[in-house]
C-alpha cells in the first residue's frame, strides 16, 4: 500500500472512530460535569483537528493546495454536522451547534498545523 493509501485508511479509521464515539453512551460524564463539558469540548476540538490534518495529508500528500485544504475542511465539518444530526434522536446524546462550532474550529486548527508542518517538509533550495 502506498503512503497516500495509508493516510486515506487512517482518515477513514479516524472518521469511523469519531462517529462511533459520537453515538455510544458516555456513562453520565456530561451529567456529572454539566454542559458545556470541558472534557467533551476538548475531545471534539482535538478529534477534528486530527481528522482535518490526516485528511489534508491523504488528499494532497504534504503539499498545501487551497483545493485540498478546502476539501479537508469541508469533509471534517460535514462529518461533525452528520454526527450532531445522528445525536439528535438518541435519548442519551444531544445535538449541539456549539459542538459543531468546536469541531469546525478544531478542523481549522488542524489545517493550520498541517500547513506549518508541510512547509517545514519542503526541500530548501541552496544558494548558487
Protein backbone atom coordinates (compact mmCIF):
# COMPACT_ATOMS: atom_id res chain seq x y z
CA UNK A 1 0.00 0.00 0.00
CA UNK A 2 1.27 3.48 -0.85
CA UNK A 3 1.90 6.16 1.74
CA UNK A 4 -1.09 8.06 0.37
CA UNK A 5 -3.22 4.94 0.77
CA UNK A 6 -2.14 4.57 4.39
CA UNK A 7 -3.15 8.18 5.12
CA UNK A 8 -6.54 7.51 3.50
CA UNK A 9 -7.03 4.43 5.66
CA UNK A 10 -6.04 6.48 8.71
CA UNK A 11 -8.55 9.20 7.76
CA UNK A 12 -11.33 6.65 7.30
CA UNK A 13 -10.47 4.93 10.57
CA UNK A 14 -10.44 8.22 12.44
CA UNK A 15 -13.78 9.20 10.90
CA UNK A 16 -15.32 5.87 11.95
CA UNK A 17 -13.95 6.28 15.49
CA UNK A 18 -15.43 9.79 15.70
CA UNK A 19 -18.84 8.54 14.57
CA UNK A 20 -18.82 5.59 16.98
CA UNK A 21 -17.70 7.72 19.92
CA UNK A 22 -20.31 10.28 18.93
CA UNK A 23 -23.23 7.87 19.31
CA UNK A 24 -22.28 5.47 22.11
CA UNK A 25 -23.40 6.16 25.69
CA UNK A 26 -20.79 8.15 27.58
CA UNK A 27 -21.62 6.94 31.07
CA UNK A 28 -23.15 10.07 32.53
CA UNK A 29 -19.99 12.18 32.21
CA UNK A 30 -21.88 15.19 30.86
CA UNK A 31 -24.48 14.96 33.63
CA UNK A 32 -21.74 14.94 36.28
CA UNK A 33 -19.77 17.87 34.89
CA UNK A 34 -22.67 19.73 33.30
CA UNK A 35 -22.73 21.45 29.94
CA UNK A 36 -20.56 22.66 28.42
CA UNK A 37 -18.32 19.81 29.48
CA UNK A 38 -14.64 20.79 29.10
CA UNK A 39 -13.53 17.19 28.57
CA UNK A 40 -16.03 16.63 25.76
CA UNK A 41 -15.29 20.03 24.23
CA UNK A 42 -11.57 19.32 24.23
CA UNK A 43 -12.25 15.89 22.73
CA UNK A 44 -14.27 17.48 19.92
CA UNK A 45 -11.54 20.03 19.18
CA UNK A 46 -8.66 17.55 19.20
CA UNK A 47 -10.56 14.87 17.25
CA UNK A 48 -11.49 17.21 14.42
CA UNK A 49 -8.04 18.83 14.37
CA UNK A 50 -6.52 15.37 13.92
CA UNK A 51 -9.13 14.43 11.30
CA UNK A 52 -8.54 17.56 9.22
CA UNK A 53 -4.76 17.11 9.44
CA UNK A 54 -4.94 13.47 8.31
CA UNK A 55 -7.46 14.33 5.57
CA UNK A 56 -5.17 17.05 4.22
CA UNK A 57 -2.24 14.63 4.00
CA UNK A 58 -4.47 11.96 2.44
CA UNK A 59 -5.74 14.41 -0.17
CA UNK A 60 -2.52 16.16 -1.17
CA UNK A 61 0.45 14.41 0.33
CA UNK A 62 2.44 17.14 2.02
CA UNK A 63 1.54 19.87 -0.48
CA UNK A 64 -0.57 22.76 0.75
CA UNK A 65 -3.03 23.48 -2.02
CA UNK A 66 -6.09 25.66 -1.45
CA UNK A 67 -8.26 22.96 -3.02
CA UNK A 68 -7.08 20.19 -0.67
CA UNK A 69 -7.39 22.44 2.38
CA UNK A 70 -10.95 23.45 1.46
CA UNK A 71 -11.93 19.84 0.77
CA UNK A 72 -10.37 18.62 4.05
CA UNK A 73 -12.19 21.36 5.96
CA UNK A 74 -15.49 20.63 4.22
CA UNK A 75 -15.22 16.89 4.88
CA UNK A 76 -14.35 17.38 8.56
CA UNK A 77 -17.17 19.88 9.14
CA UNK A 78 -19.62 17.69 7.20
CA UNK A 79 -18.73 14.75 9.44
CA UNK A 80 -19.23 16.95 12.50
CA UNK A 81 -22.66 18.02 11.22
CA UNK A 82 -23.61 14.42 10.44
CA UNK A 83 -22.63 13.27 13.94
CA UNK A 84 -24.65 16.08 15.50
CA UNK A 85 -27.66 15.11 13.36
CA UNK A 86 -27.23 11.47 14.40
CA UNK A 87 -27.12 12.50 18.07
CA UNK A 88 -30.42 14.43 17.88
CA UNK A 89 -32.81 11.46 18.19
CA UNK A 90 -30.60 9.48 20.59
CA UNK A 91 -32.04 9.88 24.11
CA UNK A 92 -28.69 9.85 25.91
CA UNK A 93 -26.98 12.27 23.48
CA UNK A 94 -27.63 15.90 22.50
CA UNK A 95 -27.18 17.59 19.15
CA UNK A 96 -25.39 20.89 19.64
CA UNK A 97 -24.43 23.77 17.38
CA UNK A 98 -21.77 24.63 19.96
CA UNK A 99 -20.18 21.20 19.42
CA UNK A 100 -20.30 21.73 15.65
CA UNK A 101 -18.58 25.08 16.10
CA UNK A 102 -15.87 23.45 18.22
CA UNK A 103 -15.50 20.73 15.55
CA UNK A 104 -15.03 23.38 12.87
CA UNK A 105 -12.54 25.33 15.00
CA UNK A 106 -10.59 22.14 15.63
CA UNK A 107 -10.54 21.37 11.89
CA UNK A 108 -9.20 24.86 11.13
CA UNK A 109 -6.51 24.43 13.79
CA UNK A 110 -5.57 21.02 12.38
CA UNK A 111 -5.20 22.51 8.92
CA UNK A 112 -3.08 25.35 10.29
CA UNK A 113 -0.76 22.80 11.91
CA UNK A 114 -0.72 20.79 8.67
CA UNK A 115 0.27 23.89 6.71
CA UNK A 116 3.17 24.63 9.04
CA UNK A 117 4.38 21.02 9.03
CA UNK A 118 4.01 20.74 5.24
CA UNK A 119 6.05 23.91 4.71
CA UNK A 120 8.74 22.54 7.00
CA UNK A 121 8.95 19.36 4.92
CA UNK A 122 9.67 21.21 1.66
CA UNK A 123 13.21 20.85 0.40
CA UNK A 124 15.13 24.08 0.75
CA UNK A 125 16.84 25.48 -2.32
CA UNK A 126 20.56 26.02 -1.96
CA UNK A 127 22.10 29.31 -2.96
CA UNK A 128 24.20 29.49 -6.02
